[in-house]
Amino acid sequence: MNNPDFLTTPKPAVALDPGARASVRIAITYCTQCHWLLRAAWMAQELLSTFSTDLREVALVPGTGGIFQVHCGDVLLWDRKRDGGFPDAKTLKQRVRDQVDPGRDLGHVDGKPAAHPQG
């Protein structure tokens, strides 16, 4: 996954039919030398909690050399070196959503105000 072709901007989102969504694989490659396993596992948990069965798999892939990348299939969603650090959960969920289900509402993650009852 260190192919320079992956160091490009994410491809435009392609809407998948509902049956195809479950075939999406997310791969989080993390640096074992930097001890980023817990960070990668937390990101995986956040994605699984949000997208549930819309994802076929969220894989943790050990790497070295300071790598922290998140791929959705062949699309590089996040690269620590390219994007300047680590993603927050909100940003990562939005990027996954834009690939998996662009019309999906992520609620508070999308910054929509909470509805307040009239009283």
PDB file of N, CA and C in Angstrom:
ATOM      1  N   MET A   1       0.815  -1.198   0.000  1.00  0.00           N
ATOM      2  CA  MET A   1       0.000   0.000   0.000  1.00  0.00           C
ATOM      3  C   MET A   1       0.854   1.255   0.000  1.00  0.00           C
ATOM      4  N   ASN A   2       2.125   1.122  -0.207  1.00  0.00           N
ATOM      5  CA  ASN A   2       2.983   2.290  -0.293  1.00  0.00           C
ATOM      6  C   ASN A   2       3.145   2.749  -1.730  1.00  0.00           C
ATOM      7  N   ASN A   3       2.243   2.338  -2.607  1.00  0.00           N
ATOM      8  CA  ASN A   3       2.238   2.714  -3.999  1.00  0.00           C
ATOM      9  C   ASN A   3       1.998   4.221  -4.117  1.00  0.00           C
ATOM     10  N   PRO A   4       2.828   4.942  -4.877  1.00  0.00           N
ATOM     11  CA  PRO A   4       2.632   6.387  -5.016  1.00  0.00           C
ATOM     12  C   PRO A   4       1.268   6.753  -5.596  1.00  0.00           C
ATOM     13  N   ASP A   5       0.622   5.842  -6.326  1.00  0.00           N
ATOM     14  CA  ASP A   5      -0.705   6.129  -6.866  1.00  0.00           C
ATOM     15  C   ASP A   5      -1.713   6.394  -5.757  1.00  0.00           C
ATOM     16  N   PHE A   6      -1.449   5.882  -4.565  1.00  0.00           N
ATOM     17  CA  PHE A   6      -2.366   6.089  -3.453  1.00  0.00           C
ATOM     18  C   PHE A   6      -2.219   7.477  -2.848  1.00  0.00           C
ATOM     19  N   LEU A   7      -1.174   8.191  -3.212  1.00  0.00           N
ATOM     20  CA  LEU A   7      -0.949   9.518  -2.657  1.00  0.00           C
ATOM     21  C   LEU A   7      -1.650  10.580  -3.502  1.00  0.00           C
ATOM     22  N   THR A   8      -2.843  10.252  -3.916  1.00  0.00           N
ATOM     23  CA  THR A   8      -3.640  11.185  -4.705  1.00  0.00           C
ATOM     24  C   THR A   8      -4.899  11.545  -3.929  1.00  0.00           C
ATOM     25  N   THR A   9      -5.587  12.536  -4.422  1.00  0.00           N
ATOM     26  CA  THR A   9      -6.843  12.920  -3.775  1.00  0.00           C
ATOM     27  C   THR A   9      -7.850  11.798  -3.957  1.00  0.00           C
ATOM     28  N   PRO A  10      -8.754  11.636  -2.988  1.00  0.00           N
ATOM     29  CA  PRO A  10      -9.754  10.584  -3.124  1.00  0.00           C
ATOM     30  C   PRO A  10     -10.544  10.735  -4.415  1.00  0.00           C
ATOM     31  N   LYS A  11     -10.837   9.591  -5.034  1.00  0.00           N
ATOM     32  CA  LYS A  11     -11.645   9.581  -6.255  1.00  0.00           C
ATOM     33  C   LYS A  11     -13.052  10.062  -5.913  1.00  0.00           C
ATOM     34  N   PRO A  12     -13.767  10.582  -6.904  1.00  0.00           N
ATOM     35  CA  PRO A  12     -15.145  11.006  -6.632  1.00  0.00           C
ATOM     36  C   PRO A  12     -15.963   9.826  -6.120  1.00  0.00           C
ATOM     37  N   ALA A  13     -16.877  10.110  -5.248  1.00  0.00           N
ATOM     38  CA  ALA A  13     -17.717   9.063  -4.667  1.00  0.00           C
ATOM     39  C   ALA A  13     -18.583   8.438  -5.745  1.00  0.00           C
ATOM     40  N   VAL A  14     -18.758   7.147  -5.633  1.00  0.00           N
ATOM     41  CA  VAL A  14     -19.639   6.416  -6.522  1.00  0.00           C
ATOM     42  C   VAL A  14     -20.704   5.790  -5.650  1.00  0.00           C
ATOM     43  N   ALA A  15     -21.948   6.162  -5.881  1.00  0.00           N
ATOM     44  CA  ALA A  15     -23.040   5.616  -5.074  1.00  0.00           C
ATOM     45  C   ALA A  15     -23.176   4.127  -5.352  1.00  0.00           C
ATOM     46  N   LEU A  16     -23.211   3.341  -4.304  1.00  0.00           N
ATOM     47  CA  LEU A  16     -23.352   1.900  -4.419  1.00  0.00           C
ATOM     48  C   LEU A  16     -24.782   1.518  -4.115  1.00  0.00           C
ATOM     49  N   ASP A  17     -25.275   0.489  -4.800  1.00  0.00           N
ATOM     50  CA  ASP A  17     -26.604   0.027  -4.443  1.00  0.00           C
ATOM     51  C   ASP A  17     -26.526  -0.635  -3.076  1.00  0.00           C
ATOM     52  N   PRO A  18     -27.646  -0.700  -2.323  1.00  0.00           N
ATOM     53  CA  PRO A  18     -27.611  -1.198  -0.951  1.00  0.00           C
ATOM     54  C   PRO A  18     -26.957  -2.563  -0.793  1.00  0.00           C
ATOM     55  N   GLY A  19     -27.125  -3.471  -1.757  1.00  0.00           N
ATOM     56  CA  GLY A  19     -26.513  -4.790  -1.654  1.00  0.00           C
ATOM     57  C   GLY A  19     -25.000  -4.746  -1.785  1.00  0.00           C
ATOM     58  N   ALA A  20     -24.496  -3.743  -2.509  1.00  0.00           N
ATOM     59  CA  ALA A  20     -23.053  -3.644  -2.729  1.00  0.00           C
ATOM     60  C   ALA A  20     -22.326  -3.030  -1.550  1.00  0.00           C
ATOM     61  N   ARG A  21     -23.023  -2.298  -0.701  1.00  0.00           N
ATOM     62  CA  ARG A  21     -22.369  -1.621   0.416  1.00  0.00           C
ATOM     63  C   ARG A  21     -21.653  -2.604   1.323  1.00  0.00           C
ATOM     64  N   ALA A  22     -22.239  -3.761   1.535  1.00  0.00           N
ATOM     65  CA  ALA A  22     -21.650  -4.728   2.448  1.00  0.00           C
ATOM     66  C   ALA A  22     -20.358  -5.325   1.884  1.00  0.00           C
ATOM     67  N   SER A  23     -19.970  -4.955   0.685  1.00  0.00           N
ATOM     68  CA  SER A  23     -18.722  -5.477   0.123  1.00  0.00           C
ATOM     69  C   SER A  23     -17.559  -4.502   0.321  1.00  0.00           C
ATOM     70  N   VAL A  24     -17.814  -3.383   1.006  1.00  0.00           N
ATOM     71  CA  VAL A  24     -16.785  -2.359   1.206  1.00  0.00           C
ATOM     72  C   VAL A  24     -15.808  -2.805   2.295  1.00  0.00           C
ATOM     73  N   ARG A  25     -14.527  -2.692   1.980  1.00  0.00           N
ATOM     74  CA  ARG A  25     -13.468  -3.021   2.936  1.00  0.00           C
ATOM     75  C   ARG A  25     -12.710  -1.751   3.279  1.00  0.00           C
ATOM     76  N   ILE A  26     -12.609  -1.478   4.565  1.00  0.00           N
ATOM     77  CA  ILE A  26     -11.791  -0.372   5.062  1.00  0.00           C
ATOM     78  C   ILE A  26     -10.516  -0.987   5.624  1.00  0.00           C
ATOM     79  N   ALA A  27      -9.371  -0.437   5.261  1.00  0.00           N
ATOM     80  CA  ALA A  27      -8.091  -0.893   5.798  1.00  0.00           C
ATOM     81  C   ALA A  27      -7.408   0.287   6.485  1.00  0.00           C
ATOM     82  N   ILE A  28      -7.055   0.099   7.745  1.00  0.00           N
ATOM     83  CA  ILE A  28      -6.328   1.113   8.501  1.00  0.00           C
ATOM     84  C   ILE A  28      -4.923   0.582   8.721  1.00  0.00           C
ATOM     85  N   THR A  29      -3.963   1.188   8.045  1.00  0.00           N
ATOM     86  CA  THR A  29      -2.563   0.783   8.174  1.00  0.00           C
ATOM     87  C   THR A  29      -1.903   1.707   9.181  1.00  0.00           C
ATOM     88  N   TYR A  30      -1.297   1.109  10.200  1.00  0.00           N
ATOM     89  CA  TYR A  30      -0.733   1.887  11.308  1.00  0.00           C
ATOM     90  C   TYR A  30       0.709   1.445  11.553  1.00  0.00           C
ATOM     91  N   CYS A  31       1.499   2.336  12.132  1.00  0.00           N
ATOM     92  CA  CYS A  31       2.905   2.059  12.420  1.00  0.00           C
ATOM     93  C   CYS A  31       3.040   1.335  13.762  1.00  0.00           C
ATOM     94  N   THR A  32       3.612   0.131  13.702  1.00  0.00           N
ATOM     95  CA  THR A  32       3.833  -0.624  14.936  1.00  0.00           C
ATOM     96  C   THR A  32       4.989  -0.029  15.739  1.00  0.00           C
ATOM     97  N   GLN A  33       5.967   0.563  15.059  1.00  0.00           N
ATOM     98  CA  GLN A  33       7.105   1.179  15.742  1.00  0.00           C
ATOM     99  C   GLN A  33       6.673   2.395  16.567  1.00  0.00           C
ATOM    100  N   CYS A  34       5.614   3.047  16.102  1.00  0.00           N
ATOM    101  CA  CYS A  34       5.104   4.248  16.772  1.00  0.00           C
ATOM    102  C   CYS A  34       4.032   3.917  17.806  1.00  0.00           C
ATOM    103  N   HIS A  35       3.662   2.642  17.895  1.00  0.00           N
ATOM    104  CA  HIS A  35       2.655   2.174  18.854  1.00  0.00           C
ATOM    105  C   HIS A  35       1.293   2.826  18.606  1.00  0.00           C
ATOM    106  N   TRP A  36       0.871   2.834  17.334  1.00  0.00           N
ATOM    107  CA  TRP A  36      -0.394   3.446  16.971  1.00  0.00           C
ATOM    108  C   TRP A  36      -1.534   2.436  16.844  1.00  0.00           C
ATOM    109  N   LEU A  37      -1.362   1.224  17.362  1.00  0.00           N
ATOM    110  CA  LEU A  37      -2.414   0.216  17.306  1.00  0.00           C
ATOM    111  C   LEU A  37      -3.690   0.692  17.989  1.00  0.00           C
ATOM    112  N   LEU A  38      -3.587   1.245  19.180  1.00  0.00           N
ATOM    113  CA  LEU A  38      -4.788   1.680  19.901  1.00  0.00           C
ATOM    114  C   LEU A  38      -5.528   2.784  19.142  1.00  0.00           C
ATOM    115  N   ARG A  39      -4.802   3.688  18.525  1.00  0.00           N
ATOM    116  CA  ARG A  39      -5.421   4.752  17.725  1.00  0.00           C
ATOM    117  C   ARG A  39      -6.159   4.134  16.539  1.00  0.00           C
ATOM    118  N   ALA A  40      -5.507   3.182  15.864  1.00  0.00           N
ATOM    119  CA  ALA A  40      -6.127   2.524  14.714  1.00  0.00           C
ATOM    120  C   ALA A  40      -7.356   1.729  15.139  1.00  0.00           C
ATOM    121  N   ALA A  41      -7.268   1.040  16.276  1.00  0.00           N
ATOM    122  CA  ALA A  41      -8.396   0.246  16.770  1.00  0.00           C
ATOM    123  C   ALA A  41      -9.567   1.151  17.154  1.00  0.00           C
ATOM    124  N   TRP A  42      -9.278   2.297  17.729  1.00  0.00           N
ATOM    125  CA  TRP A  42     -10.335   3.241  18.082  1.00  0.00           C
ATOM    126  C   TRP A  42     -11.038   3.755  16.830  1.00  0.00           C
ATOM    127  N   MET A  43     -10.253   4.076  15.795  1.00  0.00           N
ATOM    128  CA  MET A  43     -10.849   4.526  14.533  1.00  0.00           C
ATOM    129  C   MET A  43     -11.726   3.424  13.939  1.00  0.00           C
ATOM    130  N   ALA A  44     -11.252   2.189  13.991  1.00  0.00           N
ATOM    131  CA  ALA A  44     -12.023   1.050  13.477  1.00  0.00           C
ATOM    132  C   ALA A  44     -13.342   0.924  14.235  1.00  0.00           C
ATOM    133  N   GLN A  45     -13.288   1.047  15.544  1.00  0.00           N
ATOM    134  CA  GLN A  45     -14.488   0.948  16.374  1.00  0.00           C
ATOM    135  C   GLN A  45     -15.478   2.060  16.026  1.00  0.00           C
ATOM    136  N   GLU A  46     -14.991   3.267  15.827  1.00  0.00           N
ATOM    137  CA  GLU A  46     -15.856   4.390  15.457  1.00  0.00           C
ATOM    138  C   GLU A  46     -16.562   4.122  14.126  1.00  0.00           C
ATOM    139  N   LEU A  47     -15.813   3.610  13.150  1.00  0.00           N
ATOM    140  CA  LEU A  47     -16.410   3.327  11.842  1.00  0.00           C
ATOM    141  C   LEU A  47     -17.422   2.196  11.924  1.00  0.00           C
ATOM    142  N   LEU A  48     -17.093   1.148  12.673  1.00  0.00           N
ATOM    143  CA  LEU A  48     -18.026   0.025  12.813  1.00  0.00           C
ATOM    144  C   LEU A  48     -19.277   0.436  13.577  1.00  0.00           C
ATOM    145  N   SER A  49     -19.135   1.285  14.556  1.00  0.00           N
ATOM    146  CA  SER A  49     -20.303   1.752  15.313  1.00  0.00           C
ATOM    147  C   SER A  49     -21.226   2.594  14.438  1.00  0.00           C
ATOM    148  N   THR A  50     -20.655   3.381  13.552  1.00  0.00           N
ATOM    149  CA  THR A  50     -21.450   4.255  12.699  1.00  0.00           C
ATOM    150  C   THR A  50     -22.033   3.528  11.488  1.00  0.00           C
ATOM    151  N   PHE A  51     -21.213   2.715  10.823  1.00  0.00           N
ATOM    152  CA  PHE A  51     -21.628   2.125   9.553  1.00  0.00           C
ATOM    153  C   PHE A  51     -22.098   0.676   9.671  1.00  0.00           C
ATOM    154  N   SER A  52     -21.848   0.047  10.796  1.00  0.00           N
ATOM    155  CA  SER A  52     -22.363  -1.278  11.110  1.00  0.00           C
ATOM    156  C   SER A  52     -22.213  -2.251   9.947  1.00  0.00           C
ATOM    157  N   THR A  53     -23.326  -2.809   9.486  1.00  0.00           N
ATOM    158  CA  THR A  53     -23.285  -3.835   8.445  1.00  0.00           C
ATOM    159  C   THR A  53     -23.147  -3.269   7.037  1.00  0.00           C
ATOM    160  N   ASP A  54     -23.044  -1.947   6.893  1.00  0.00           N
ATOM    161  CA  ASP A  54     -22.771  -1.368   5.578  1.00  0.00           C
ATOM    162  C   ASP A  54     -21.331  -1.644   5.149  1.00  0.00           C
ATOM    163  N   LEU A  55     -20.498  -2.044   6.096  1.00  0.00           N
ATOM    164  CA  LEU A  55     -19.114  -2.375   5.802  1.00  0.00           C
ATOM    165  C   LEU A  55     -18.927  -3.886   5.909  1.00  0.00           C
ATOM    166  N   ARG A  56     -18.210  -4.449   4.952  1.00  0.00           N
ATOM    167  CA  ARG A  56     -17.915  -5.883   5.015  1.00  0.00           C
ATOM    168  C   ARG A  56     -16.834  -6.147   6.044  1.00  0.00           C
ATOM    169  N   GLU A  57     -15.870  -5.212   6.117  1.00  0.00           N
ATOM    170  CA  GLU A  57     -14.702  -5.462   6.956  1.00  0.00           C
ATOM    171  C   GLU A  57     -13.998  -4.150   7.271  1.00  0.00           C
ATOM    172  N   VAL A  58     -13.464  -4.069   8.471  1.00  0.00           N
ATOM    173  CA  VAL A  58     -12.530  -3.007   8.819  1.00  0.00           C
ATOM    174  C   VAL A  58     -11.285  -3.723   9.318  1.00  0.00           C
ATOM    175  N   ALA A  59     -10.217  -3.623   8.538  1.00  0.00           N
ATOM    176  CA  ALA A  59      -8.992  -4.363   8.830  1.00  0.00           C
ATOM    177  C   ALA A  59      -7.934  -3.442   9.423  1.00  0.00           C
ATOM    178  N   LEU A  60      -7.203  -3.969  10.394  1.00  0.00           N
ATOM    179  CA  LEU A  60      -6.040  -3.278  10.953  1.00  0.00           C
ATOM    180  C   LEU A  60      -4.804  -3.916  10.338  1.00  0.00           C
ATOM    181  N   VAL A  61      -4.001  -3.108   9.656  1.00  0.00           N
ATOM    182  CA  VAL A  61      -2.859  -3.601   8.908  1.00  0.00           C
ATOM    183  C   VAL A  61      -1.580  -3.028   9.517  1.00  0.00           C
ATOM    184  N   PRO A  62      -0.741  -3.866  10.147  1.00  0.00           N
ATOM    185  CA  PRO A  62       0.490  -3.354  10.733  1.00  0.00           C
ATOM    186  C   PRO A  62       1.473  -2.887   9.664  1.00  0.00           C
ATOM    187  N   GLY A  63       2.148  -1.788   9.955  1.00  0.00           N
ATOM    188  CA  GLY A  63       3.159  -1.243   9.055  1.00  0.00           C
ATOM    189  C   GLY A  63       4.283  -0.631   9.873  1.00  0.00           C
ATOM    190  N   THR A  64       5.205   0.027   9.189  1.00  0.00           N
ATOM    191  CA  THR A  64       6.339   0.667   9.859  1.00  0.00           C
ATOM    192  C   THR A  64       6.610   2.020   9.192  1.00  0.00           C
ATOM    193  N   GLY A  65       7.573   2.733   9.726  1.00  0.00           N
ATOM    194  CA  GLY A  65       8.021   3.970   9.102  1.00  0.00           C
ATOM    195  C   GLY A  65       7.087   5.155   9.281  1.00  0.00           C
ATOM    196  N   GLY A  66       6.273   5.138  10.346  1.00  0.00           N
ATOM    197  CA  GLY A  66       5.409   6.278  10.617  1.00  0.00           C
ATOM    198  C   GLY A  66       4.130   6.306   9.792  1.00  0.00           C
ATOM    199  N   ILE A  67       3.772   5.181   9.205  1.00  0.00           N
ATOM    200  CA  ILE A  67       2.584   5.143   8.350  1.00  0.00           C
ATOM    201  C   ILE A  67       1.295   5.159   9.175  1.00  0.00           C
ATOM    202  N   PHE A  68       0.336   5.924   8.717  1.00  0.00           N
ATOM    203  CA  PHE A  68      -1.042   5.857   9.214  1.00  0.00           C
ATOM    204  C   PHE A  68      -1.921   6.257   8.043  1.00  0.00           C
ATOM    205  N   GLN A  69      -2.516   5.246   7.408  1.00  0.00           N
ATOM    206  CA  GLN A  69      -3.359   5.462   6.241  1.00  0.00           C
ATOM    207  C   GLN A  69      -4.676   4.737   6.411  1.00  0.00           C
ATOM    208  N   VAL A  70      -5.713   5.315   5.827  1.00  0.00           N
ATOM    209  CA  VAL A  70      -7.028   4.681   5.818  1.00  0.00           C
ATOM    210  C   VAL A  70      -7.477   4.585   4.368  1.00  0.00           C
ATOM    211  N   HIS A  71      -7.740   3.352   3.932  1.00  0.00           N
ATOM    212  CA  HIS A  71      -8.223   3.103   2.581  1.00  0.00           C
ATOM    213  C   HIS A  71      -9.647   2.578   2.623  1.00  0.00           C
ATOM    214  N   CYS A  72     -10.426   2.988   1.653  1.00  0.00           N
ATOM    215  CA  CYS A  72     -11.750   2.422   1.408  1.00  0.00           C
ATOM    216  C   CYS A  72     -11.633   1.762   0.039  1.00  0.00           C
ATOM    217  N   GLY A  73     -11.487   0.441   0.039  1.00  0.00           N
ATOM    218  CA  GLY A  73     -11.165  -0.236  -1.212  1.00  0.00           C
ATOM    219  C   GLY A  73      -9.820   0.267  -1.693  1.00  0.00           C
ATOM    220  N   ASP A  74      -9.761   0.753  -2.926  1.00  0.00           N
ATOM    221  CA  ASP A  74      -8.514   1.265  -3.498  1.00  0.00           C
ATOM    222  C   ASP A  74      -8.330   2.770  -3.291  1.00  0.00           C
ATOM    223  N   VAL A  75      -9.272   3.406  -2.628  1.00  0.00           N
ATOM    224  CA  VAL A  75      -9.233   4.866  -2.464  1.00  0.00           C
ATOM    225  C   VAL A  75      -8.573   5.225  -1.138  1.00  0.00           C
ATOM    226  N   LEU A  76      -7.538   6.037  -1.207  1.00  0.00           N
ATOM    227  CA  LEU A  76      -6.873   6.519   0.003  1.00  0.00           C
ATOM    228  C   LEU A  76      -7.701   7.658   0.588  1.00  0.00           C
ATOM    229  N   LEU A  77      -8.284   7.415   1.758  1.00  0.00           N
ATOM    230  CA  LEU A  77      -9.110   8.437   2.401  1.00  0.00           C
ATOM    231  C   LEU A  77      -8.283   9.349   3.292  1.00  0.00           C
ATOM    232  N   TRP A  78      -7.257   8.794   3.922  1.00  0.00           N
ATOM    233  CA  TRP A  78      -6.442   9.587   4.838  1.00  0.00           C
ATOM    234  C   TRP A  78      -5.019   9.075   4.821  1.00  0.00           C
ATOM    235  N   ASP A  79      -4.088   9.991   4.782  1.00  0.00           N
ATOM    236  CA  ASP A  79      -2.668   9.671   4.908  1.00  0.00           C
ATOM    237  C   ASP A  79      -2.070  10.680   5.880  1.00  0.00           C
ATOM    238  N   ARG A  80      -1.498  10.188   6.963  1.00  0.00           N
ATOM    239  CA  ARG A  80      -0.963  11.069   8.003  1.00  0.00           C
ATOM    240  C   ARG A  80       0.036  12.071   7.442  1.00  0.00           C
ATOM    241  N   LYS A  81       0.896  11.624   6.536  1.00  0.00           N
ATOM    242  CA  LYS A  81       1.914  12.523   5.989  1.00  0.00           C
ATOM    243  C   LYS A  81       1.305  13.528   5.013  1.00  0.00           C
ATOM    244  N   ARG A  82       0.393  13.068   4.172  1.00  0.00           N
ATOM    245  CA  ARG A  82      -0.240  13.953   3.186  1.00  0.00           C
ATOM    246  C   ARG A  82      -1.190  14.947   3.846  1.00  0.00           C
ATOM    247  N   ASP A  83      -1.979  14.446   4.804  1.00  0.00           N
ATOM    248  CA  ASP A  83      -3.044  15.255   5.389  1.00  0.00           C
ATOM    249  C   ASP A  83      -2.638  15.973   6.672  1.00  0.00           C
ATOM    250  N   GLY A  84      -1.410  15.779   7.116  1.00  0.00           N
ATOM    251  CA  GLY A  84      -0.907  16.531   8.258  1.00  0.00           C
ATOM    252  C   GLY A  84      -1.403  16.060   9.605  1.00  0.00           C
ATOM    253  N   GLY A  85      -1.182  14.814   9.924  1.00  0.00           N
ATOM    254  CA  GLY A  85      -1.555  14.292  11.235  1.00  0.00           C
ATOM    255  C   GLY A  85      -2.620  13.218  11.138  1.00  0.00           C
ATOM    256  N   PHE A  86      -3.369  13.088  12.198  1.00  0.00           N
ATOM    257  CA  PHE A  86      -4.385  12.046  12.286  1.00  0.00           C
ATOM    258  C   PHE A  86      -5.764  12.657  12.083  1.00  0.00           C
ATOM    259  N   PRO A  87      -6.685  11.858  11.511  1.00  0.00           N
ATOM    260  CA  PRO A  87      -8.033  12.390  11.347  1.00  0.00           C
ATOM    261  C   PRO A  87      -8.788  12.364  12.665  1.00  0.00           C
ATOM    262  N   ASP A  88      -9.712  13.292  12.829  1.00  0.00           N
ATOM    263  CA  ASP A  88     -10.638  13.143  13.948  1.00  0.00           C
ATOM    264  C   ASP A  88     -11.753  12.217  13.464  1.00  0.00           C
ATOM    265  N   ALA A  89     -12.526  11.693  14.380  1.00  0.00           N
ATOM    266  CA  ALA A  89     -13.570  10.729  14.028  1.00  0.00           C
ATOM    267  C   ALA A  89     -14.569  11.335  13.040  1.00  0.00           C
ATOM    268  N   LYS A  90     -14.928  12.594  13.245  1.00  0.00           N
ATOM    269  CA  LYS A  90     -15.902  13.263  12.375  1.00  0.00           C
ATOM    270  C   LYS A  90     -15.427  13.278  10.927  1.00  0.00           C
ATOM    271  N   THR A  91     -14.201  13.711  10.707  1.00  0.00           N
ATOM    272  CA  THR A  91     -13.653  13.805   9.357  1.00  0.00           C
ATOM    273  C   THR A  91     -13.566  12.439   8.702  1.00  0.00           C
ATOM    274  N   LEU A  92     -13.097  11.453   9.445  1.00  0.00           N
ATOM    275  CA  LEU A  92     -12.965  10.113   8.880  1.00  0.00           C
ATOM    276  C   LEU A  92     -14.331   9.534   8.520  1.00  0.00           C
ATOM    277  N   LYS A  93     -15.313   9.702   9.393  1.00  0.00           N
ATOM    278  CA  LYS A  93     -16.666   9.196   9.101  1.00  0.00           C
ATOM    279  C   LYS A  93     -17.244   9.878   7.865  1.00  0.00           C
ATOM    280  N   GLN A  94     -17.010  11.171   7.718  1.00  0.00           N
ATOM    281  CA  GLN A  94     -17.512  11.882   6.549  1.00  0.00           C
ATOM    282  C   GLN A  94     -16.866  11.373   5.269  1.00  0.00           C
ATOM    283  N   ARG A  95     -15.568  11.114   5.319  1.00  0.00           N
ATOM    284  CA  ARG A  95     -14.879  10.614   4.124  1.00  0.00           C
ATOM    285  C   ARG A  95     -15.329   9.203   3.766  1.00  0.00           C
ATOM    286  N   VAL A  96     -15.544   8.369   4.776  1.00  0.00           N
ATOM    287  CA  VAL A  96     -16.059   7.020   4.509  1.00  0.00           C
ATOM    288  C   VAL A  96     -17.474   7.134   3.938  1.00  0.00           C
ATOM    289  N   ARG A  97     -18.308   7.940   4.565  1.00  0.00           N
ATOM    290  CA  ARG A  97     -19.679   8.133   4.074  1.00  0.00           C
ATOM    291  C   ARG A  97     -19.688   8.592   2.626  1.00  0.00           C
ATOM    292  N   ASP A  98     -18.807   9.533   2.270  1.00  0.00           N
ATOM    293  CA  ASP A  98     -18.769  10.061   0.914  1.00  0.00           C
ATOM    294  C   ASP A  98     -18.425   8.983  -0.110  1.00  0.00           C
ATOM    295  N   GLN A  99     -17.733   7.931   0.313  1.00  0.00           N
ATOM    296  CA  GLN A  99     -17.414   6.825  -0.579  1.00  0.00           C
ATOM    297  C   GLN A  99     -18.494   5.750  -0.577  1.00  0.00           C
ATOM    298  N   VAL A 100     -19.026   5.451   0.590  1.00  0.00           N
ATOM    299  CA  VAL A 100     -19.935   4.319   0.756  1.00  0.00           C
ATOM    300  C   VAL A 100     -21.383   4.688   0.447  1.00  0.00           C
ATOM    301  N   ASP A 101     -21.826   5.836   0.942  1.00  0.00           N
ATOM    302  CA  ASP A 101     -23.240   6.218   0.841  1.00  0.00           C
ATOM    303  C   ASP A 101     -23.350   7.740   0.906  1.00  0.00           C
ATOM    304  N   PRO A 102     -23.038   8.436  -0.207  1.00  0.00           N
ATOM    305  CA  PRO A 102     -22.968   9.902  -0.184  1.00  0.00           C
ATOM    306  C   PRO A 102     -24.228  10.607   0.313  1.00  0.00           C
ATOM    307  N   GLY A 103     -25.378  10.000   0.174  1.00  0.00           N
ATOM    308  CA  GLY A 103     -26.609  10.631   0.617  1.00  0.00           C
ATOM    309  C   GLY A 103     -26.931  10.406   2.078  1.00  0.00           C
ATOM    310  N   ARG A 104     -26.118   9.646   2.760  1.00  0.00           N
ATOM    311  CA  ARG A 104     -26.384   9.290   4.162  1.00  0.00           C
ATOM    312  C   ARG A 104     -26.230  10.500   5.085  1.00  0.00           C
ATOM    313  N   ASP A 105     -27.162  10.645   5.999  1.00  0.00           N
ATOM    314  CA  ASP A 105     -27.120  11.700   7.003  1.00  0.00           C
ATOM    315  C   ASP A 105     -26.383  11.165   8.228  1.00  0.00           C
ATOM    316  N   LEU A 106     -25.322  11.837   8.613  1.00  0.00           N
ATOM    317  CA  LEU A 106     -24.567  11.421   9.797  1.00  0.00           C
ATOM    318  C   LEU A 106     -25.011  12.179  11.047  1.00  0.00           C
ATOM    319  N   GLY A 107     -26.120  12.886  10.955  1.00  0.00           N
ATOM    320  CA  GLY A 107     -26.667  13.574  12.124  1.00  0.00           C
ATOM    321  C   GLY A 107     -25.719  14.607  12.683  1.00  0.00           C
ATOM    322  N   HIS A 108     -25.447  14.518  13.980  1.00  0.00           N
ATOM    323  CA  HIS A 108     -24.614  15.526  14.651  1.00  0.00           C
ATOM    324  C   HIS A 108     -23.201  15.580  14.087  1.00  0.00           C
ATOM    325  N   VAL A 109     -22.730  14.496  13.487  1.00  0.00           N
ATOM    326  CA  VAL A 109     -21.392  14.485  12.893  1.00  0.00           C
ATOM    327  C   VAL A 109     -21.325  15.476  11.730  1.00  0.00           C
ATOM    328  N   ASP A 110     -22.442  15.657  11.047  1.00  0.00           N
ATOM    329  CA  ASP A 110     -22.488  16.603   9.932  1.00  0.00           C
ATOM    330  C   ASP A 110     -22.698  18.040  10.392  1.00  0.00           C
ATOM    331  N   GLY A 111     -22.765  18.252  11.707  1.00  0.00           N
ATOM    332  CA  GLY A 111     -22.879  19.601  12.240  1.00  0.00           C
ATOM    333  C   GLY A 111     -24.274  20.171  12.202  1.00  0.00           C
ATOM    334  N   LYS A 112     -25.266  19.300  12.129  1.00  0.00           N
ATOM    335  CA  LYS A 112     -26.647  19.779  12.131  1.00  0.00           C
ATOM    336  C   LYS A 112     -27.053  20.114  13.552  1.00  0.00           C
ATOM    337  N   PRO A 113     -27.727  21.233  13.732  1.00  0.00           N
ATOM    338  CA  PRO A 113     -28.145  21.605  15.099  1.00  0.00           C
ATOM    339  C   PRO A 113     -29.179  20.620  15.641  1.00  0.00           C
ATOM    340  N   ALA A 114     -29.117  20.398  16.926  1.00  0.00           N
ATOM    341  CA  ALA A 114     -30.087  19.526  17.570  1.00  0.00           C
ATOM    342  C   ALA A 114     -31.435  20.233  17.624  1.00  0.00           C
ATOM    343  N   ALA A 115     -32.479  19.434  17.452  1.00  0.00           N
ATOM    344  CA  ALA A 115     -33.836  19.993  17.531  1.00  0.00           C
ATOM    345  C   ALA A 115     -34.179  20.241  18.994  1.00  0.00           C
ATOM    346  N   HIS A 116     -34.664  21.447  19.295  1.00  0.00           N
ATOM    347  CA  HIS A 116     -35.055  21.781  20.663  1.00  0.00           C
ATOM    348  C   HIS A 116     -36.573  21.884  20.723  1.00  0.00           C
ATOM    349  N   PRO A 117     -37.193  21.156  21.650  1.00  0.00           N
ATOM    350  CA  PRO A 117     -38.656  21.223  21.755  1.00  0.00           C
ATOM    351  C   PRO A 117     -39.085  22.620  22.208  1.00  0.00           C
ATOM    352  N   GLN A 118     -40.197  23.053  21.661  1.00  0.00           N
ATOM    353  CA  GLN A 118     -40.759  24.351  22.056  1.00  0.00           C
ATOM    354  C   GLN A 118     -41.398  24.219  23.423  1.00  0.00           C
ATOM    355  N   GLY A 119     -41.127  25.107  24.312  1.00  0.00           N
ATOM    356  CA  GLY A 119     -41.651  24.937  25.655  1.00  0.00           C
ATOM    357  C   GLY A 119     -42.158  26.140  26.243  1.00  0.00           C
TER     358      GLY A 119
END
